[in-house]
Amino acid sequence: MRIFIIILQFALYSDAEKDVFVYPTILQERSTETKLVLRLNDKFTLNLERSSVLADKLLFVTTSDEVSHLEEVDTSAIQKNFVS
C-alpha cells in the first residue's frame, strides 16, 4: 500500500507545472458594479463579487474581576468601508 501511495504522489508531482506566472488584470463587467472580473493569466479568470464577511451584529464580551460587560455592535458601517 505504501508503494502505491509513493508512486501516486510521484505521478502527481511530476505532472505539476514548475513555475506559473500571473499578471492580474482587472476587467470591467458591464452588467453590474458589484461584480469584478480579475484575469490572472491566459488560463485563469476569477469572477469576484462582494460578500459579507461579518455578521450584521457582533456581540463583544469583556470580563474583568468576574464582571462581564456585553456590547452589541452594528457592523453595517464597517462593511461599507471594508471593500470598496
N, C-alpha and C. Protein backbone atom coordinates (compact mmCIF):
# COMPACT_ATOMS: atom_id res chain seq x y z
N MET A 1 0.82 -1.19 0.00
CA MET A 1 0.00 0.00 0.00
C MET A 1 0.86 1.25 0.00
N ARG A 2 1.93 1.24 0.77
CA ARG A 2 2.82 2.41 0.81
C ARG A 2 3.47 2.66 -0.54
N ILE A 3 3.83 1.59 -1.22
CA ILE A 3 4.46 1.74 -2.53
C ILE A 3 3.47 2.39 -3.51
N PHE A 4 2.21 1.98 -3.44
CA PHE A 4 1.19 2.57 -4.31
C PHE A 4 1.05 4.07 -4.04
N ILE A 5 1.04 4.45 -2.77
CA ILE A 5 0.91 5.87 -2.41
C ILE A 5 2.13 6.65 -2.89
N ILE A 6 3.32 6.09 -2.73
CA ILE A 6 4.54 6.77 -3.17
C ILE A 6 4.53 6.95 -4.69
N ILE A 7 4.13 5.92 -5.41
CA ILE A 7 4.07 6.01 -6.87
C ILE A 7 3.02 7.04 -7.30
N LEU A 8 1.88 7.05 -6.62
CA LEU A 8 0.83 8.01 -6.94
C LEU A 8 1.30 9.44 -6.68
N GLN A 9 1.97 9.67 -5.56
CA GLN A 9 2.49 11.00 -5.26
C GLN A 9 3.52 11.43 -6.29
N PHE A 10 4.40 10.53 -6.69
CA PHE A 10 5.40 10.85 -7.70
C PHE A 10 4.73 11.22 -9.02
N ALA A 11 3.70 10.48 -9.39
CA ALA A 11 2.99 10.77 -10.64
C ALA A 11 2.31 12.14 -10.59
N LEU A 12 1.72 12.46 -9.45
CA LEU A 12 1.05 13.76 -9.32
C LEU A 12 2.05 14.91 -9.33
N TYR A 13 3.17 14.76 -8.63
CA TYR A 13 4.15 15.84 -8.56
C TYR A 13 4.91 16.01 -9.86
N SER A 14 5.14 14.95 -10.59
CA SER A 14 5.90 15.08 -11.84
C SER A 14 5.09 15.78 -12.92
N ASP A 15 3.76 15.72 -12.82
CA ASP A 15 2.91 16.36 -13.82
C ASP A 15 2.61 17.82 -13.50
N ALA A 16 2.93 18.27 -12.30
CA ALA A 16 2.63 19.64 -11.90
C ALA A 16 3.55 20.62 -12.61
N GLU A 17 2.99 21.81 -12.90
CA GLU A 17 3.80 22.85 -13.53
C GLU A 17 4.78 23.40 -12.50
N LYS A 18 5.99 23.67 -12.96
CA LYS A 18 7.03 24.15 -12.04
C LYS A 18 6.82 25.62 -11.69
N ASP A 19 6.71 26.47 -12.69
CA ASP A 19 6.55 27.90 -12.46
C ASP A 19 5.31 28.39 -13.20
N VAL A 20 4.52 29.15 -12.51
CA VAL A 20 3.35 29.75 -13.13
C VAL A 20 3.41 31.24 -12.86
N PHE A 21 3.40 32.02 -13.91
CA PHE A 21 3.42 33.47 -13.77
C PHE A 21 2.01 34.01 -13.94
N VAL A 22 1.65 34.92 -13.08
CA VAL A 22 0.35 35.56 -13.20
C VAL A 22 0.55 37.06 -13.31
N TYR A 23 -0.26 37.66 -14.16
CA TYR A 23 -0.25 39.11 -14.34
C TYR A 23 -1.69 39.58 -14.17
N PRO A 24 -2.10 39.84 -12.93
CA PRO A 24 -3.51 40.17 -12.68
C PRO A 24 -3.93 41.44 -13.41
N THR A 25 -5.07 41.35 -14.05
CA THR A 25 -5.66 42.48 -14.76
C THR A 25 -7.12 42.57 -14.37
N ILE A 26 -7.56 43.76 -13.98
CA ILE A 26 -8.96 43.95 -13.63
C ILE A 26 -9.72 44.29 -14.90
N LEU A 27 -10.75 43.51 -15.18
CA LEU A 27 -11.62 43.75 -16.32
C LEU A 27 -12.96 44.25 -15.80
N GLN A 28 -13.54 45.20 -16.45
CA GLN A 28 -14.83 45.74 -16.02
C GLN A 28 -15.96 44.89 -16.56
N GLU A 29 -16.92 44.59 -15.71
CA GLU A 29 -18.12 43.89 -16.16
C GLU A 29 -19.21 44.93 -16.36
N ARG A 30 -19.90 44.85 -17.46
CA ARG A 30 -20.86 45.89 -17.83
C ARG A 30 -22.20 45.75 -17.14
N SER A 31 -22.55 44.56 -16.70
CA SER A 31 -23.91 44.34 -16.19
C SER A 31 -24.16 44.98 -14.83
N THR A 32 -23.21 44.95 -13.96
CA THR A 32 -23.41 45.49 -12.61
C THR A 32 -22.09 45.96 -12.03
N GLU A 33 -22.17 46.89 -11.10
CA GLU A 33 -20.96 47.43 -10.49
C GLU A 33 -20.46 46.59 -9.32
N THR A 34 -21.26 45.66 -8.85
CA THR A 34 -20.85 44.88 -7.68
C THR A 34 -19.96 43.71 -8.04
N LYS A 35 -19.87 43.38 -9.32
CA LYS A 35 -19.03 42.26 -9.74
C LYS A 35 -17.74 42.77 -10.33
N LEU A 36 -16.70 41.97 -10.18
CA LEU A 36 -15.39 42.33 -10.69
C LEU A 36 -14.79 41.10 -11.35
N VAL A 37 -14.22 41.28 -12.52
CA VAL A 37 -13.58 40.18 -13.23
C VAL A 37 -12.08 40.41 -13.15
N LEU A 38 -11.36 39.44 -12.62
CA LEU A 38 -9.91 39.53 -12.45
C LEU A 38 -9.27 38.44 -13.29
N ARG A 39 -8.52 38.85 -14.29
CA ARG A 39 -7.84 37.90 -15.16
C ARG A 39 -6.42 37.71 -14.63
N LEU A 40 -6.07 36.46 -14.29
CA LEU A 40 -4.75 36.17 -13.76
C LEU A 40 -3.74 35.89 -14.86
N ASN A 41 -4.11 35.05 -15.81
CA ASN A 41 -3.28 34.75 -16.98
C ASN A 41 -4.20 34.21 -18.07
N ASP A 42 -3.65 33.60 -19.10
CA ASP A 42 -4.47 33.11 -20.21
C ASP A 42 -5.40 31.97 -19.79
N LYS A 43 -5.07 31.26 -18.74
CA LYS A 43 -5.86 30.11 -18.32
C LYS A 43 -6.88 30.42 -17.22
N PHE A 44 -6.59 31.41 -16.38
CA PHE A 44 -7.40 31.62 -15.19
C PHE A 44 -8.01 33.02 -15.15
N THR A 45 -9.32 33.05 -14.97
CA THR A 45 -10.07 34.29 -14.78
C THR A 45 -10.99 34.09 -13.59
N LEU A 46 -10.98 35.05 -12.67
CA LEU A 46 -11.82 34.97 -11.48
C LEU A 46 -12.97 35.96 -11.59
N ASN A 47 -14.18 35.50 -11.32
CA ASN A 47 -15.35 36.36 -11.24
C ASN A 47 -15.62 36.62 -9.77
N LEU A 48 -15.38 37.84 -9.33
CA LEU A 48 -15.49 38.19 -7.92
C LEU A 48 -16.74 39.01 -7.69
N GLU A 49 -17.36 38.79 -6.56
CA GLU A 49 -18.49 39.62 -6.17
C GLU A 49 -18.41 39.86 -4.68
N ARG A 50 -18.94 40.99 -4.27
CA ARG A 50 -18.89 41.38 -2.88
C ARG A 50 -19.70 40.42 -2.03
N SER A 51 -19.16 40.06 -0.90
CA SER A 51 -19.90 39.23 0.04
C SER A 51 -19.70 39.78 1.44
N SER A 52 -20.56 39.40 2.31
CA SER A 52 -20.49 39.86 3.68
C SER A 52 -19.46 39.03 4.44
N VAL A 53 -18.52 39.70 5.07
CA VAL A 53 -17.50 38.98 5.84
C VAL A 53 -17.79 39.02 7.33
N LEU A 54 -18.72 39.85 7.71
CA LEU A 54 -19.10 39.95 9.12
C LEU A 54 -20.59 39.69 9.28
N ALA A 55 -20.96 39.29 10.46
CA ALA A 55 -22.38 39.17 10.78
C ALA A 55 -22.98 40.58 10.86
N ASP A 56 -24.29 40.69 10.79
CA ASP A 56 -24.94 42.00 10.87
C ASP A 56 -24.68 42.67 12.21
N LYS A 57 -24.62 41.86 13.25
CA LYS A 57 -24.34 42.39 14.58
C LYS A 57 -23.35 41.46 15.28
N LEU A 58 -22.40 42.07 15.98
CA LEU A 58 -21.42 41.30 16.76
C LEU A 58 -21.65 41.57 18.24
N LEU A 59 -21.43 40.56 19.03
CA LEU A 59 -21.58 40.69 20.48
C LEU A 59 -20.19 40.62 21.10
N PHE A 60 -19.74 41.73 21.67
CA PHE A 60 -18.45 41.78 22.35
C PHE A 60 -18.66 41.58 23.84
N VAL A 61 -17.86 40.69 24.40
CA VAL A 61 -17.93 40.40 25.82
C VAL A 61 -16.57 40.70 26.43
N THR A 62 -16.55 41.60 27.40
CA THR A 62 -15.32 41.88 28.15
C THR A 62 -15.56 41.52 29.61
N THR A 63 -14.58 40.87 30.19
CA THR A 63 -14.71 40.41 31.56
C THR A 63 -13.53 40.91 32.38
N SER A 64 -13.84 41.48 33.54
CA SER A 64 -12.79 41.88 34.47
C SER A 64 -13.33 41.72 35.89
N ASP A 65 -12.54 41.14 36.73
CA ASP A 65 -12.93 40.90 38.13
C ASP A 65 -14.29 40.21 38.22
N GLU A 66 -14.48 39.20 37.37
CA GLU A 66 -15.69 38.39 37.35
C GLU A 66 -16.96 39.17 37.01
N VAL A 67 -16.80 40.33 36.39
CA VAL A 67 -17.94 41.12 35.93
C VAL A 67 -17.87 41.16 34.41
N SER A 68 -18.95 40.75 33.77
CA SER A 68 -18.99 40.73 32.31
C SER A 68 -19.76 41.94 31.79
N HIS A 69 -19.22 42.52 30.74
CA HIS A 69 -19.89 43.64 30.08
C HIS A 69 -20.19 43.21 28.65
N LEU A 70 -21.45 43.26 28.25
CA LEU A 70 -21.87 42.87 26.91
C LEU A 70 -22.15 44.12 26.09
N GLU A 71 -21.65 44.10 24.85
CA GLU A 71 -21.91 45.23 23.95
C GLU A 71 -22.22 44.68 22.56
N GLU A 72 -23.36 45.08 22.02
CA GLU A 72 -23.75 44.66 20.68
C GLU A 72 -23.35 45.76 19.69
N VAL A 73 -22.62 45.36 18.65
CA VAL A 73 -22.10 46.32 17.68
C VAL A 73 -22.73 46.06 16.32
N ASP A 74 -23.26 47.12 15.71
CA ASP A 74 -23.81 47.04 14.35
C ASP A 74 -22.64 47.16 13.37
N THR A 75 -22.50 46.20 12.47
CA THR A 75 -21.34 46.16 11.58
C THR A 75 -21.59 46.76 10.20
N SER A 76 -22.74 47.38 9.97
CA SER A 76 -23.04 47.90 8.63
C SER A 76 -22.04 48.98 8.21
N ALA A 77 -21.63 49.85 9.11
CA ALA A 77 -20.66 50.90 8.77
C ALA A 77 -19.29 50.29 8.48
N ILE A 78 -18.93 49.25 9.20
CA ILE A 78 -17.64 48.59 8.98
C ILE A 78 -17.64 47.93 7.61
N GLN A 79 -18.72 47.25 7.24
CA GLN A 79 -18.77 46.54 5.97
C GLN A 79 -18.77 47.48 4.77
N LYS A 80 -19.32 48.68 4.91
CA LYS A 80 -19.29 49.65 3.81
C LYS A 80 -17.86 50.03 3.45
N ASN A 81 -17.02 50.16 4.47
CA ASN A 81 -15.64 50.61 4.25
C ASN A 81 -14.66 49.46 4.06
N PHE A 82 -15.12 48.22 4.24
CA PHE A 82 -14.21 47.08 4.17
C PHE A 82 -13.64 46.89 2.77
N VAL A 83 -14.51 46.81 1.78
CA VAL A 83 -14.09 46.65 0.39
C VAL A 83 -14.91 47.62 -0.43
N SER A 84 -14.21 48.51 -1.11
CA SER A 84 -14.95 49.48 -1.92
C SER A 84 -14.85 49.16 -3.39
